[in-house]
Amino acid sequence: MPVEDSGHKDAPTRYVLQVKGARKSFSGVEVLHGVDLDLAPGQVHAVVGENGAGKSTLIKILSGVYRRDGGRITVNGNPVETLTPQIAQNLGIVTIYQERNLIPYLSVGENILLGDIPTGNLGAVRWNRLYEMADRILRDLNLELDSRQVVANLSTAEQQAVEIAKALYKKAGIVIMDEPTASLSGAEIENLFRLICQLREGNVAVIYISHRLDEVFEIADEVTVLRDGLRVLHCPIDQITKDQLVKAMVGEELSFTHIAAAQEGHTLLEAEGISSPGKFQDVSLSLKRGTIIGLAGSVGSGRTEVLHALAGIDPISQGHIVFKGEQMHGKRLEDFIRRGICFVPGERDQNGLILGMSVAGNTTLANLKAITHGPLMDLSQERTLAEKYVRQLDIQAKSVDQEVQFLSGGNRQKVMLSKWLCLGLEVFLLDEPTQGVDVGAREEIHRIMTSLIDEGKGVLMVTSDLDELMNMSHTIAVMSKGRIVAYLQTRKTTREEVMSYALGQRSQSEPGA
């Protein structure tokens, strides 16, 4: 199977979508260099590549957000000269972005039928008819959702299901999914895949964008790889291996990081029966130097809330948090940081970085004392400190003066880590550390985590990625319904065992547990 792809002839199959030689430039710089894509009805076609490869540009052209500079597009065999979001929708192209495209304070039914609300002769909404129509769509997808429920009260996975129901109602022929599992747990991902299979059975074509390669092999029929704005590979998914796919994406072989056996030191951080009403109950953990604990469980199990408590962000109602023998209960957030504990959020753009600020400004944000003299900041010193971490973490930026918003997801994540590294902290509480980053950046972040424990620091990581959990944890604590239901040694457990605990299918008191 060749890695390089120099183009292909049109197949005789009737395609629902064909893209030939798509080009796009920004400010005179071409970012998409003549990309082809063929999509057949009832096919799940994965499009993968590192951040900056051109995936987002391509799907924004197909959804009408960007106007292409060259190439041609045909939908159901008909040439399309101009694409706008409205024209794309009229052609049956629906895009489901990571950020939900729903109106939160309308009901599920109103969102599904938006733009086609049934009305009577005097223009009054026929509510019963609206909910009947919405319920029919929900039943067709085997979704146990109330069409009268307000969308704002739904989980991320349920909102995504509503988007799929909306696409089905609009009789979409092409559904584009951009990182659809980024915020979903294992059980929710399985449900999403069930819905995708229903779309496939209904002859709907799906373009599936994801950094999670295991998902690509599970759900896709074909895969296209973009690298630096070029299509470098296209083939059926069963004709390629994961290693070949990674090589096509990054242009070189990657050796995936697997954490070495723990070299345990003294205990750094302990949670002793801590609880927070409505969030988690009676959680106990012990993090030692030189170790990584993976905190597993479905979204809503209380994982992130435990990290918030251990970082001093949220209070606890009972129990004790002990750092190097010192009771931390009742202390302020700045006390936790000062003593050596930091929290790295999963939502880095909203909670971890100031996007309009430079790389240098973000790097030194938590350590302003190191670059200030009286009331004045030493900008030269700030640059020197930032440049040190740019080199150390291999942050790909034009300079330390570049605004963080113009960096890729992986480089933003490394900037956020640099903010805490420059403080010399000892405990890193990481929430979804590689969420939304490409395969190359993921491995770099894993190497940073490995270097942290080599230096005798401790890491407590929440992750929904089973590969990451199994490869980068010494111990796994599994949460379900706000409680830790199992403590597992990674080298002595399996994915299936972790998932069975996370889904509440077994308890650690069972035989063999």
Protein backbone atom coordinates (compact mmCIF):
# COMPACT_ATOMS: atom_id res chain seq x y z
CA MET A 1 0.00 0.00 0.00
CA PRO A 2 1.72 3.22 -1.09
CA VAL A 3 1.90 6.03 1.42
CA GLU A 4 2.23 8.75 -1.19
CA ASP A 5 -0.88 9.39 -3.33
CA SER A 6 -0.50 11.14 -6.64
CA GLY A 7 -4.17 11.25 -7.54
CA HIS A 8 -6.68 8.72 -8.87
CA LYS A 9 -9.10 8.27 -11.70
CA ASP A 10 -12.80 8.74 -11.18
CA ALA A 11 -14.41 5.47 -10.17
CA PRO A 12 -17.60 4.44 -11.97
CA THR A 13 -19.53 4.53 -8.67
CA ARG A 14 -22.00 7.39 -8.39
CA TYR A 15 -20.63 9.69 -5.69
CA VAL A 16 -22.78 11.94 -3.55
CA LEU A 17 -19.82 14.35 -3.33
CA GLN A 18 -16.70 14.87 -5.41
CA VAL A 19 -14.01 17.45 -4.73
CA LYS A 20 -11.33 17.89 -7.40
CA GLY A 21 -8.27 20.09 -6.95
CA ALA A 22 -9.64 22.26 -4.10
CA ARG A 23 -7.37 25.22 -3.33
CA LYS A 24 -7.52 27.91 -0.68
CA SER A 25 -5.20 30.78 0.26
CA PHE A 26 -5.15 33.24 3.14
CA SER A 27 -3.26 36.52 2.77
CA GLY A 28 -1.54 35.20 -0.33
CA VAL A 29 -0.35 31.99 1.35
CA GLU A 30 -1.87 28.80 -0.08
CA VAL A 31 -2.94 26.38 2.66
CA LEU A 32 -4.85 23.85 0.53
CA HIS A 33 -3.00 22.62 -2.53
CA GLY A 34 -5.37 20.92 -4.95
CA VAL A 35 -7.08 18.42 -2.64
CA ASP A 36 -9.37 15.66 -3.96
CA LEU A 37 -12.11 13.87 -2.02
CA ASP A 38 -14.72 11.36 -3.23
CA LEU A 39 -17.64 10.39 -1.01
CA ALA A 40 -20.09 7.58 -1.78
CA PRO A 41 -23.60 7.24 -0.32
CA GLY A 42 -23.71 5.18 2.87
CA GLN A 43 -19.95 5.57 3.39
CA VAL A 44 -18.08 6.80 6.47
CA HIS A 45 -14.99 8.55 5.14
CA ALA A 46 -12.42 9.60 7.74
CA VAL A 47 -10.25 12.66 7.07
CA VAL A 48 -7.19 12.76 9.32
CA GLY A 49 -4.01 14.77 9.64
CA GLU A 50 -2.06 16.85 12.12
CA ASN A 51 -3.28 20.29 13.17
CA GLY A 52 -2.61 22.67 10.29
CA ALA A 53 -2.86 19.90 7.69
CA GLY A 54 -5.91 21.52 6.06
CA LYS A 55 -8.79 19.47 7.49
CA SER A 56 -10.70 22.44 8.93
CA THR A 57 -10.17 24.50 5.79
CA LEU A 58 -11.55 21.68 3.64
CA ILE A 59 -14.69 21.14 5.72
CA LYS A 60 -15.34 24.89 5.92
CA ILE A 61 -15.23 25.01 2.11
CA LEU A 62 -17.72 22.12 1.96
CA SER A 63 -20.01 23.76 4.52
CA GLY A 64 -19.90 27.11 2.70
CA VAL A 65 -18.03 29.04 5.38
CA TYR A 66 -15.00 29.57 3.10
CA ARG A 67 -15.06 30.17 -0.63
CA ARG A 68 -12.60 27.98 -2.52
CA ASP A 69 -9.99 29.67 -4.71
CA GLY A 70 -9.74 26.82 -7.18
CA GLY A 71 -10.96 23.34 -8.04
CA ARG A 72 -14.47 22.02 -8.56
CA ILE A 73 -17.16 20.46 -6.42
CA THR A 74 -20.04 18.26 -7.57
CA VAL A 75 -22.94 17.13 -5.39
CA ASN A 76 -24.97 14.19 -6.70
CA GLY A 77 -23.24 14.67 -10.05
CA ASN A 78 -24.19 18.33 -10.36
CA PRO A 79 -21.46 21.01 -10.45
CA VAL A 80 -21.64 23.57 -7.62
CA GLU A 81 -20.17 26.93 -8.54
CA THR A 82 -20.83 28.77 -5.27
CA LEU A 83 -21.27 27.38 -1.78
CA THR A 84 -22.69 29.34 1.14
CA PRO A 85 -23.95 27.83 4.42
CA GLN A 86 -27.54 28.14 3.13
CA ILE A 87 -26.71 26.59 -0.26
CA ALA A 88 -24.83 23.76 1.47
CA GLN A 89 -27.84 23.08 3.67
CA ASN A 90 -30.16 23.13 0.63
CA LEU A 91 -27.85 20.59 -1.03
CA GLY A 92 -28.15 18.31 1.99
CA ILE A 93 -24.74 19.05 3.52
CA VAL A 94 -24.91 19.34 7.32
CA THR A 95 -21.84 20.03 9.48
CA ILE A 96 -21.74 19.11 13.17
CA TYR A 97 -18.92 21.08 14.79
CA GLN A 98 -17.27 20.47 18.17
CA GLU A 99 -19.18 23.53 19.41
CA ARG A 100 -22.87 22.66 19.27
CA ASN A 101 -24.95 24.58 16.74
CA LEU A 102 -28.15 24.51 18.78
CA ILE A 103 -30.25 27.20 20.45
CA PRO A 104 -29.89 26.23 24.12
CA TYR A 105 -33.10 27.73 25.49
CA LEU A 106 -35.39 26.19 22.90
CA SER A 107 -36.73 22.66 23.22
CA VAL A 108 -35.31 19.60 21.50
CA GLY A 109 -38.29 19.60 19.12
CA GLU A 110 -37.91 23.27 18.22
CA ASN A 111 -34.23 22.78 17.46
CA ILE A 112 -34.88 19.76 15.25
CA LEU A 113 -37.58 21.54 13.23
CA LEU A 114 -35.98 24.99 13.28
CA GLY A 115 -36.79 26.79 10.03
CA ASP A 116 -39.73 24.49 9.38
CA ILE A 117 -41.95 25.02 12.42
CA PRO A 118 -45.55 23.88 11.65
CA THR A 119 -48.08 26.71 11.97
CA GLY A 120 -51.84 27.09 11.59
CA ASN A 121 -53.81 29.44 9.34
CA LEU A 122 -53.24 32.43 11.61
CA GLY A 123 -49.52 31.75 12.03
CA ALA A 124 -49.82 30.19 15.48
CA VAL A 125 -47.36 27.38 16.17
CA ARG A 126 -48.96 23.93 16.16
CA TRP A 127 -47.07 22.66 19.18
CA ASN A 128 -48.58 19.18 19.30
CA ARG A 129 -47.72 18.66 15.63
CA LEU A 130 -44.17 19.98 16.20
CA TYR A 131 -43.50 17.56 19.04
CA GLU A 132 -45.12 14.64 17.15
CA MET A 133 -42.79 15.23 14.20
CA ALA A 134 -39.74 15.56 16.45
CA ASP A 135 -40.67 12.44 18.45
CA ARG A 136 -40.91 10.43 15.22
CA ILE A 137 -37.34 11.40 14.30
CA LEU A 138 -36.09 10.59 17.81
CA ARG A 139 -37.81 7.18 17.69
CA ASP A 140 -36.26 6.44 14.30
CA LEU A 141 -32.86 6.95 15.92
CA ASN A 142 -33.85 4.96 19.05
CA LEU A 143 -33.16 8.02 21.17
CA GLU A 144 -34.84 8.19 24.56
CA LEU A 145 -35.09 11.98 24.56
CA ASP A 146 -38.08 14.15 25.44
CA SER A 147 -38.74 16.50 22.50
CA ARG A 148 -40.15 19.05 25.00
CA GLN A 149 -36.96 19.18 27.08
CA VAL A 150 -34.85 22.35 26.93
CA VAL A 151 -31.57 21.71 25.09
CA ALA A 152 -29.52 23.58 27.72
CA ASN A 153 -30.37 20.82 30.21
CA LEU A 154 -28.95 18.04 28.01
CA SER A 155 -25.50 16.47 28.24
CA THR A 156 -22.92 17.02 25.50
CA ALA A 157 -23.66 13.58 24.05
CA GLU A 158 -27.41 14.22 24.06
CA GLN A 159 -26.96 17.57 22.32
CA GLN A 160 -24.86 15.84 19.67
CA ALA A 161 -27.66 13.30 19.19
CA VAL A 162 -30.09 16.20 18.70
CA GLU A 163 -27.81 17.58 15.97
CA ILE A 164 -27.89 14.20 14.23
CA ALA A 165 -31.70 14.09 14.57
CA LYS A 166 -31.83 17.58 13.08
CA ALA A 167 -29.72 16.42 10.12
CA LEU A 168 -32.00 13.41 9.61
CA TYR A 169 -35.09 15.64 9.64
CA LYS A 170 -33.54 17.91 7.02
CA LYS A 171 -32.93 14.79 4.89
CA ALA A 172 -29.19 15.40 4.82
CA GLY A 173 -27.28 13.32 2.29
CA ILE A 174 -23.89 14.32 3.68
CA VAL A 175 -23.07 14.78 7.38
CA ILE A 176 -19.68 16.21 8.34
CA MET A 177 -18.57 15.49 11.91
CA ASP A 178 -15.68 17.53 13.31
CA GLU A 179 -14.01 15.78 16.30
CA PRO A 180 -17.39 14.39 17.44
CA THR A 181 -16.01 12.39 20.39
CA ALA A 182 -13.73 15.07 21.89
CA SER A 183 -15.94 15.49 24.99
CA LEU A 184 -17.59 12.06 25.16
CA SER A 185 -17.02 9.07 27.43
CA GLY A 186 -16.66 5.47 26.28
CA ALA A 187 -20.37 4.60 26.55
CA GLU A 188 -21.35 7.85 24.83
CA ILE A 189 -18.91 7.14 21.99
CA GLU A 190 -20.51 3.71 21.51
CA ASN A 191 -23.91 5.37 21.26
CA LEU A 192 -22.59 7.91 18.73
CA PHE A 193 -21.19 5.09 16.61
CA ARG A 194 -24.59 3.39 16.72
CA LEU A 195 -26.17 6.59 15.36
CA ILE A 196 -23.49 6.85 12.65
CA CYS A 197 -24.24 3.26 11.63
CA GLN A 198 -27.91 4.19 11.33
CA LEU A 199 -26.98 7.11 9.07
CA ARG A 200 -24.86 4.73 6.99
CA GLU A 201 -27.76 2.26 6.73
CA GLY A 202 -29.97 5.14 5.60
CA ASN A 203 -27.53 5.79 2.71
CA VAL A 204 -26.26 9.02 4.31
CA ALA A 205 -22.56 9.71 3.65
CA VAL A 206 -20.46 10.78 6.65
CA ILE A 207 -17.16 12.70 6.67
CA TYR A 208 -15.54 11.90 10.01
CA ILE A 209 -12.74 14.16 11.31
CA SER A 210 -10.83 12.81 14.31
CA HIS A 211 -7.41 12.71 15.99
CA ARG A 212 -8.35 9.42 17.66
CA LEU A 213 -7.04 6.80 15.28
CA ASP A 214 -8.60 3.82 17.08
CA GLU A 215 -12.00 5.36 16.37
CA VAL A 216 -11.11 5.82 12.72
CA PHE A 217 -10.33 2.11 12.38
CA GLU A 218 -13.55 1.20 14.18
CA ILE A 219 -16.05 3.36 12.32
CA ALA A 220 -14.59 4.39 8.93
CA ASP A 221 -14.87 2.65 5.56
CA GLU A 222 -12.21 4.77 3.85
CA VAL A 223 -9.58 7.24 5.01
CA THR A 224 -7.97 10.30 3.46
CA VAL A 225 -4.81 11.78 4.99
CA LEU A 226 -3.93 15.46 4.59
CA ARG A 227 -0.45 16.76 5.33
CA ASP A 228 0.62 20.39 4.85
CA GLY A 229 -2.41 21.09 2.66
CA LEU A 230 -1.85 18.10 0.37
CA ARG A 231 -3.69 14.81 0.10
CA VAL A 232 -0.95 12.25 0.67
CA LEU A 233 -3.02 9.10 1.06
CA HIS A 234 -6.46 7.70 0.28
CA CYS A 235 -7.47 4.06 0.70
CA PRO A 236 -10.01 1.68 2.27
CA ILE A 237 -9.43 1.46 6.00
CA ASP A 238 -8.85 -2.30 5.88
CA GLN A 239 -5.85 -1.80 3.59
CA ILE A 240 -3.73 0.21 6.03
CA THR A 241 -2.26 -0.24 9.50
CA LYS A 242 -2.18 2.30 12.30
CA ASP A 243 1.59 2.70 11.94
CA GLN A 244 1.25 3.37 8.19
CA LEU A 245 -1.49 5.91 8.86
CA VAL A 246 0.64 7.74 11.44
CA LYS A 247 3.61 7.79 9.07
CA ALA A 248 1.42 9.30 6.33
CA MET A 249 0.19 11.98 8.75
CA VAL A 250 3.54 13.08 10.11
CA GLY A 251 5.88 12.03 7.29
CA GLU A 252 8.00 9.87 9.58
CA GLU A 253 7.83 6.93 11.95
CA LEU A 254 6.74 7.71 15.51
CA SER A 255 7.67 5.57 18.49
CA PHE A 256 4.67 5.70 20.80
CA THR A 257 5.39 6.48 24.44
CA HIS A 258 4.68 3.78 27.03
CA ILE A 259 5.29 4.76 30.61
CA ALA A 260 8.09 2.84 32.37
CA ALA A 261 7.53 0.98 35.63
CA ALA A 262 7.06 3.33 38.56
CA GLN A 263 10.04 4.41 40.65
CA GLU A 264 7.93 5.38 43.65
CA GLY A 265 9.17 7.95 46.09
CA HIS A 266 7.57 9.57 49.12
CA THR A 267 3.88 10.48 49.07
CA LEU A 268 3.21 13.94 47.63
CA LEU A 269 -0.56 14.34 47.68
CA GLU A 270 -3.27 12.43 49.53
CA ALA A 271 -7.04 12.61 49.47
CA GLU A 272 -8.57 11.01 52.55
CA GLY A 273 -12.30 10.35 52.16
CA ILE A 274 -13.06 13.69 50.53
CA SER A 275 -16.62 14.55 49.45
CA SER A 276 -18.43 17.38 47.70
CA PRO A 277 -22.26 17.27 47.72
CA GLY A 278 -23.71 16.35 44.34
CA LYS A 279 -20.25 15.87 42.79
CA PHE A 280 -18.34 13.02 44.48
CA GLN A 281 -18.29 11.07 47.73
CA ASP A 282 -15.65 9.45 49.93
CA VAL A 283 -12.76 9.65 47.45
CA SER A 284 -9.33 8.51 48.63
CA LEU A 285 -6.13 8.69 46.57
CA SER A 286 -2.40 8.64 47.25
CA LEU A 287 -0.03 10.16 44.69
CA LYS A 288 3.67 9.37 45.15
CA ARG A 289 6.73 10.93 43.56
CA GLY A 290 7.62 9.48 40.18
CA THR A 291 4.14 8.09 39.45
CA ILE A 292 1.14 8.82 37.25
CA ILE A 293 -2.37 7.96 38.38
CA GLY A 294 -5.02 7.80 35.67
CA LEU A 295 -8.51 8.80 36.79
CA ALA A 296 -11.01 6.99 34.56
CA GLY A 297 -14.79 7.05 34.25
CA SER A 298 -17.54 8.40 32.07
CA VAL A 299 -18.27 12.11 31.65
CA GLY A 300 -20.27 13.12 34.73
CA SER A 301 -18.67 10.50 37.00
CA GLY A 302 -16.98 13.22 39.08
CA ARG A 303 -13.46 12.90 37.65
CA THR A 304 -12.83 16.56 36.84
CA GLU A 305 -14.56 17.69 40.03
CA VAL A 306 -12.06 15.64 42.07
CA LEU A 307 -9.19 17.39 40.28
CA HIS A 308 -10.80 20.77 41.07
CA ALA A 309 -10.93 19.87 44.75
CA LEU A 310 -7.35 18.58 44.88
CA ALA A 311 -6.16 21.79 43.19
CA GLY A 312 -7.94 24.00 45.72
CA ILE A 313 -10.38 25.35 43.13
CA ASP A 314 -13.53 23.91 44.74
CA PRO A 315 -14.15 23.29 48.47
CA ILE A 316 -14.80 19.89 50.04
CA SER A 317 -17.47 19.20 52.63
CA GLN A 318 -15.62 16.42 54.45
CA GLY A 319 -12.36 14.50 54.45
CA HIS A 320 -8.80 15.77 54.21
CA ILE A 321 -6.37 16.85 51.49
CA VAL A 322 -2.76 16.44 52.58
CA PHE A 323 0.25 17.71 50.64
CA LYS A 324 3.65 16.43 51.86
CA GLY A 325 2.19 15.94 55.32
CA GLU A 326 0.49 19.36 55.51
CA GLN A 327 -3.28 19.67 55.85
CA MET A 328 -4.65 21.78 52.97
CA HIS A 329 -8.29 21.94 54.05
CA GLY A 330 -9.56 25.53 54.12
CA LYS A 331 -6.55 26.95 52.31
CA ARG A 332 -6.97 29.26 49.31
CA LEU A 333 -6.17 28.43 45.69
CA GLU A 334 -2.98 30.50 45.78
CA ASP A 335 -1.82 28.47 48.80
CA PHE A 336 -2.16 25.25 46.79
CA ILE A 337 -0.13 26.76 43.94
CA ARG A 338 2.48 28.23 46.27
CA ARG A 339 3.04 24.85 47.89
CA GLY A 340 3.47 23.09 44.54
CA ILE A 341 0.11 21.92 43.12
CA CYS A 342 -1.30 23.04 39.75
CA PHE A 343 -4.36 22.22 37.65
CA VAL A 344 -4.14 22.09 33.84
CA PRO A 345 -7.72 22.32 32.46
CA GLY A 346 -9.13 20.39 29.52
CA GLU A 347 -10.77 23.55 28.16
CA ARG A 348 -7.46 25.31 27.61
CA ASP A 349 -8.83 28.12 25.42
CA GLN A 350 -11.57 29.06 27.90
CA ASN A 351 -9.84 28.40 31.22
CA GLY A 352 -6.12 27.97 30.71
CA LEU A 353 -4.81 30.63 28.34
CA ILE A 354 -5.31 34.25 27.33
CA LEU A 355 -5.57 33.77 23.58
CA GLY A 356 -4.90 37.39 22.64
CA MET A 357 -1.73 37.46 24.74
CA SER A 358 1.71 36.41 23.49
CA VAL A 359 3.45 33.11 24.14
CA ALA A 360 5.79 34.98 26.50
CA GLY A 361 2.93 36.62 28.38
CA ASN A 362 1.11 33.30 28.89
CA THR A 363 4.28 31.48 29.93
CA THR A 364 5.09 33.92 32.73
CA LEU A 365 1.49 34.63 33.76
CA ALA A 366 1.66 32.52 36.94
CA ASN A 367 5.19 33.65 37.81
CA LEU A 368 5.15 37.44 37.46
CA LYS A 369 7.37 37.81 40.53
CA ALA A 370 10.25 36.34 38.56
CA ILE A 371 10.10 39.10 35.93
CA THR A 372 9.11 42.16 37.96
CA HIS A 373 11.27 44.65 39.78
CA GLY A 374 9.10 46.79 41.99
CA PRO A 375 6.18 48.03 39.91
CA LEU A 376 7.90 47.34 36.55
CA MET A 377 8.06 44.22 34.40
CA ASP A 378 11.39 43.22 32.88
CA LEU A 379 10.27 42.35 29.32
CA SER A 380 13.76 41.17 28.39
CA GLN A 381 13.70 38.72 31.27
CA GLU A 382 10.19 37.61 30.27
CA ARG A 383 11.43 36.84 26.73
CA THR A 384 14.44 34.92 28.04
CA LEU A 385 12.28 32.78 30.32
CA ALA A 386 9.70 32.12 27.58
CA GLU A 387 12.39 31.24 25.01
CA LYS A 388 13.79 28.67 27.44
CA TYR A 389 10.47 26.79 27.51
CA VAL A 390 9.84 27.22 23.79
CA ARG A 391 13.11 25.34 23.22
CA GLN A 392 12.59 22.85 26.03
CA LEU A 393 9.04 21.89 24.98
CA ASP A 394 9.61 22.36 21.23
CA ILE A 395 6.76 24.89 20.97
CA GLN A 396 6.25 25.71 17.30
CA ALA A 397 5.79 29.50 17.25
CA LYS A 398 7.20 32.21 14.99
CA SER A 399 8.52 33.92 18.13
CA VAL A 400 7.61 34.31 21.78
CA ASP A 401 5.77 37.48 20.73
CA GLN A 402 3.24 35.52 18.66
CA GLU A 403 -0.29 35.50 20.07
CA VAL A 404 -1.32 32.10 21.42
CA GLN A 405 -4.55 32.12 19.40
CA PHE A 406 -2.51 31.56 16.22
CA LEU A 407 -0.88 28.34 17.52
CA SER A 408 -2.14 24.80 16.96
CA GLY A 409 -3.95 22.94 19.75
CA GLY A 410 -0.87 20.94 20.68
CA ASN A 411 1.34 24.01 20.90
CA ARG A 412 -1.26 25.83 22.98
CA GLN A 413 -1.28 22.88 25.36
CA LYS A 414 2.51 23.05 25.68
CA VAL A 415 2.35 26.81 26.39
CA MET A 416 -0.16 26.07 29.16
CA LEU A 417 2.20 23.46 30.62
CA SER A 418 5.13 25.90 30.42
CA LYS A 419 3.16 28.35 32.57
CA TRP A 420 3.38 25.88 35.48
CA LEU A 421 6.77 24.37 34.70
CA CYS A 422 8.45 27.71 35.23
CA LEU A 423 7.16 27.71 38.81
CA GLY A 424 8.93 24.43 39.63
CA LEU A 425 5.76 22.76 40.95
CA GLU A 426 5.64 19.14 42.13
CA VAL A 427 2.08 17.93 41.47
CA PHE A 428 0.41 18.26 38.07
CA LEU A 429 -3.34 17.65 37.88
CA LEU A 430 -4.08 17.20 34.16
CA ASP A 431 -7.61 17.18 32.75
CA GLU A 432 -7.71 15.57 29.27
CA PRO A 433 -4.10 16.59 28.51
CA THR A 434 -4.17 15.59 24.80
CA GLN A 435 -7.78 16.41 23.94
CA GLY A 436 -8.01 17.92 20.45
CA VAL A 437 -4.30 17.66 19.63
CA ASP A 438 -2.78 15.78 16.71
CA VAL A 439 -0.82 12.55 16.97
CA GLY A 440 2.61 14.22 16.88
CA ALA A 441 1.77 16.75 19.61
CA ARG A 442 0.17 13.98 21.66
CA GLU A 443 3.45 12.07 21.76
CA GLU A 444 5.36 15.25 22.67
CA ILE A 445 2.99 15.89 25.59
CA HIS A 446 3.43 12.29 26.73
CA ARG A 447 7.20 12.78 26.67
CA ILE A 448 6.79 15.92 28.82
CA MET A 449 4.72 13.87 31.30
CA THR A 450 7.44 11.20 31.35
CA SER A 451 10.10 13.84 32.06
CA LEU A 452 8.01 15.17 34.95
CA ILE A 453 7.96 11.84 36.77
CA ASP A 454 11.63 11.23 35.93
CA GLU A 455 12.27 14.44 37.92
CA GLY A 456 10.37 13.01 40.89
CA LYS A 457 7.13 14.92 40.36
CA GLY A 458 3.65 13.37 40.51
CA VAL A 459 0.88 13.43 37.90
CA LEU A 460 -2.84 12.78 38.34
CA MET A 461 -4.50 12.61 34.94
CA VAL A 462 -8.14 12.50 33.86
CA THR A 463 -8.52 11.08 30.37
CA SER A 464 -11.32 9.62 28.23
CA ASP A 465 -8.75 8.07 25.87
CA LEU A 466 -8.25 4.40 26.76
CA ASP A 467 -4.95 4.22 24.86
CA GLU A 468 -3.63 7.14 26.88
CA LEU A 469 -4.97 5.68 30.11
CA MET A 470 -3.34 2.27 29.55
CA ASN A 471 -0.03 3.58 28.18
CA MET A 472 0.55 6.56 30.47
CA SER A 473 -0.66 5.47 33.92
CA HIS A 474 0.94 3.32 36.60
CA THR A 475 -2.32 3.03 38.54
CA ILE A 476 -5.90 3.56 37.38
CA ALA A 477 -8.62 4.78 39.74
CA VAL A 478 -12.02 4.20 38.14
CA MET A 479 -14.94 6.47 39.07
CA SER A 480 -18.64 5.81 38.63
CA LYS A 481 -21.49 7.94 39.96
CA GLY A 482 -19.20 10.10 42.07
CA ARG A 483 -17.29 7.29 43.76
CA ILE A 484 -14.06 5.43 43.12
CA VAL A 485 -15.20 1.88 42.39
CA ALA A 486 -11.82 0.30 41.57
CA TYR A 487 -8.07 0.78 41.95
CA LEU A 488 -6.26 -1.14 39.22
CA GLN A 489 -2.60 -1.72 38.42
CA THR A 490 -2.26 -0.84 34.74
CA ARG A 491 0.08 -3.73 33.94
CA LYS A 492 -2.37 -6.21 35.49
CA THR A 493 -5.64 -4.99 34.00
CA THR A 494 -7.36 -4.74 30.62
CA ARG A 495 -9.39 -2.14 28.75
CA GLU A 496 -12.46 -4.33 29.18
CA GLU A 497 -12.03 -4.45 32.96
CA VAL A 498 -11.61 -0.66 33.17
CA MET A 499 -14.74 -0.10 31.05
CA SER A 500 -16.83 -2.59 33.04
CA TYR A 501 -16.08 -0.67 36.25
CA ALA A 502 -16.64 2.72 34.61
CA LEU A 503 -20.03 1.62 33.29
CA GLY A 504 -21.07 0.26 36.70
CA GLN A 505 -21.19 -3.33 35.45
CA ARG A 506 -19.05 -4.70 38.29
CA SER A 507 -17.67 -3.72 41.69
CA GLN A 508 -14.25 -4.45 43.14
CA SER A 509 -15.79 -6.77 45.73
CA GLU A 510 -16.78 -9.21 42.97
CA PRO A 511 -14.79 -12.46 42.57
CA GLY A 512 -11.72 -11.94 40.43
CA ALA A 513 -11.76 -8.17 40.94
